[in-house]
Amino acid sequence: MLDVFEIAEETVVFRNEFNYPDKYIVLTELLGGFVLIHDSLSEEVYTVIFEGEDQCLINGTLKPECSSFYGFLIDYFTVKDVQKNNT
């Protein structure tokens, strides 16, 4: 996940280059053909694969990965902690 300044930069890039609405906040860099997006109005988090799913996100047909940003953070950091403890 990006730090706060990188989140702001990536979000501006996606809004300018891909016409993302203001409600979307980009949480990760575009790596491996996908990016994590937070919908600031609904609080949902999406995994968006850039082979058509970006348009599904914009037109509202993509299903969220997580129904709340809080739930996403719990899942994200729980997985990171489990991976760290297993090494």
Protein backbone atom coordinates (compact mmCIF):
# COMPACT_ATOMS: atom_id res chain seq x y z
CA MET A 1 0.00 0.00 0.00
CA LEU A 2 1.19 3.53 -0.75
CA ASP A 3 1.95 6.22 1.81
CA VAL A 4 -0.31 9.28 2.08
CA PHE A 5 1.65 11.43 -0.37
CA GLU A 6 1.88 8.64 -2.95
CA ILE A 7 -1.86 7.98 -2.60
CA ALA A 8 -2.55 11.61 -3.46
CA GLU A 9 -0.18 11.50 -6.46
CA GLU A 10 -1.51 8.22 -7.86
CA THR A 11 -5.11 9.35 -7.39
CA VAL A 12 -4.44 12.52 -9.43
CA VAL A 13 -2.78 10.44 -12.17
CA PHE A 14 -5.76 8.07 -12.39
CA ARG A 15 -8.23 10.95 -12.43
CA ASN A 16 -6.32 12.71 -15.21
CA GLU A 17 -5.31 9.73 -17.36
CA PHE A 18 -8.25 7.37 -16.84
CA ASN A 19 -11.06 9.86 -16.03
CA TYR A 20 -11.77 8.36 -12.60
CA PRO A 21 -14.45 10.25 -10.64
CA ASP A 22 -13.38 12.21 -7.56
CA LYS A 23 -14.91 9.62 -5.22
CA TYR A 24 -12.18 7.06 -6.06
CA ILE A 25 -8.90 7.04 -4.13
CA VAL A 26 -6.03 4.92 -5.45
CA LEU A 27 -4.39 2.84 -2.68
CA THR A 28 -1.66 1.05 -4.65
CA GLU A 29 0.51 1.48 -7.68
CA LEU A 30 -0.55 -0.23 -10.89
CA LEU A 31 1.42 -3.46 -10.55
CA GLY A 32 0.77 -6.73 -12.30
CA GLY A 33 -2.09 -5.15 -14.18
CA PHE A 34 -4.23 -4.33 -11.14
CA VAL A 35 -4.75 -1.60 -8.56
CA LEU A 36 -6.70 -1.25 -5.28
CA ILE A 37 -9.30 1.54 -5.29
CA HIS A 38 -11.26 2.98 -2.37
CA ASP A 39 -14.69 4.49 -3.01
CA SER A 40 -14.78 7.39 -0.54
CA LEU A 41 -18.59 7.66 -0.68
CA SER A 42 -19.58 4.02 -0.13
CA GLU A 43 -16.38 3.04 1.78
CA GLU A 44 -16.03 -0.04 -0.46
CA VAL A 45 -12.62 -1.22 -1.70
CA TYR A 46 -12.13 -2.71 -5.16
CA THR A 47 -9.42 -4.74 -6.82
CA VAL A 48 -9.42 -3.45 -10.38
CA ILE A 49 -7.74 -5.48 -13.13
CA PHE A 50 -6.92 -3.29 -16.11
CA GLU A 51 -8.37 -5.60 -18.73
CA GLY A 52 -11.89 -4.18 -18.74
CA GLU A 53 -12.59 -4.03 -15.01
CA ASP A 54 -11.61 -0.36 -14.87
CA GLN A 55 -14.65 0.46 -17.00
CA CYS A 56 -16.80 -1.86 -14.85
CA LEU A 57 -15.70 0.15 -11.80
CA ILE A 58 -16.55 3.46 -13.43
CA ASN A 59 -19.97 2.27 -14.66
CA GLY A 60 -20.81 0.68 -11.29
CA THR A 61 -20.92 -3.01 -12.23
CA LEU A 62 -17.71 -4.20 -10.50
CA LYS A 63 -18.27 -5.99 -7.20
CA PRO A 64 -16.24 -4.72 -4.24
CA GLU A 65 -13.43 -6.75 -2.71
CA CYS A 66 -14.40 -5.44 0.72
CA SER A 67 -17.58 -3.66 1.81
CA SER A 68 -15.79 -1.22 4.11
CA PHE A 69 -12.42 0.48 4.24
CA TYR A 70 -12.07 -0.54 7.89
CA GLY A 71 -12.67 -4.18 6.98
CA PHE A 72 -10.12 -3.89 4.18
CA LEU A 73 -7.50 -2.56 6.61
CA ILE A 74 -8.17 -5.38 9.09
CA ASP A 75 -7.81 -7.98 6.32
CA TYR A 76 -4.73 -6.31 4.81
CA PHE A 77 -2.78 -6.05 8.04
CA THR A 78 -3.90 -9.46 9.34
CA VAL A 79 -2.50 -11.13 6.22
CA LYS A 80 0.73 -9.11 6.51
CA ASP A 81 1.15 -10.12 10.18
CA VAL A 82 0.51 -13.81 9.43
CA GLN A 83 3.04 -13.77 6.58
CA LYS A 84 5.61 -12.03 8.78
CA ASN A 85 5.18 -14.53 11.62
CA ASN A 86 5.51 -17.53 9.26
CA THR A 87 8.97 -16.50 8.01
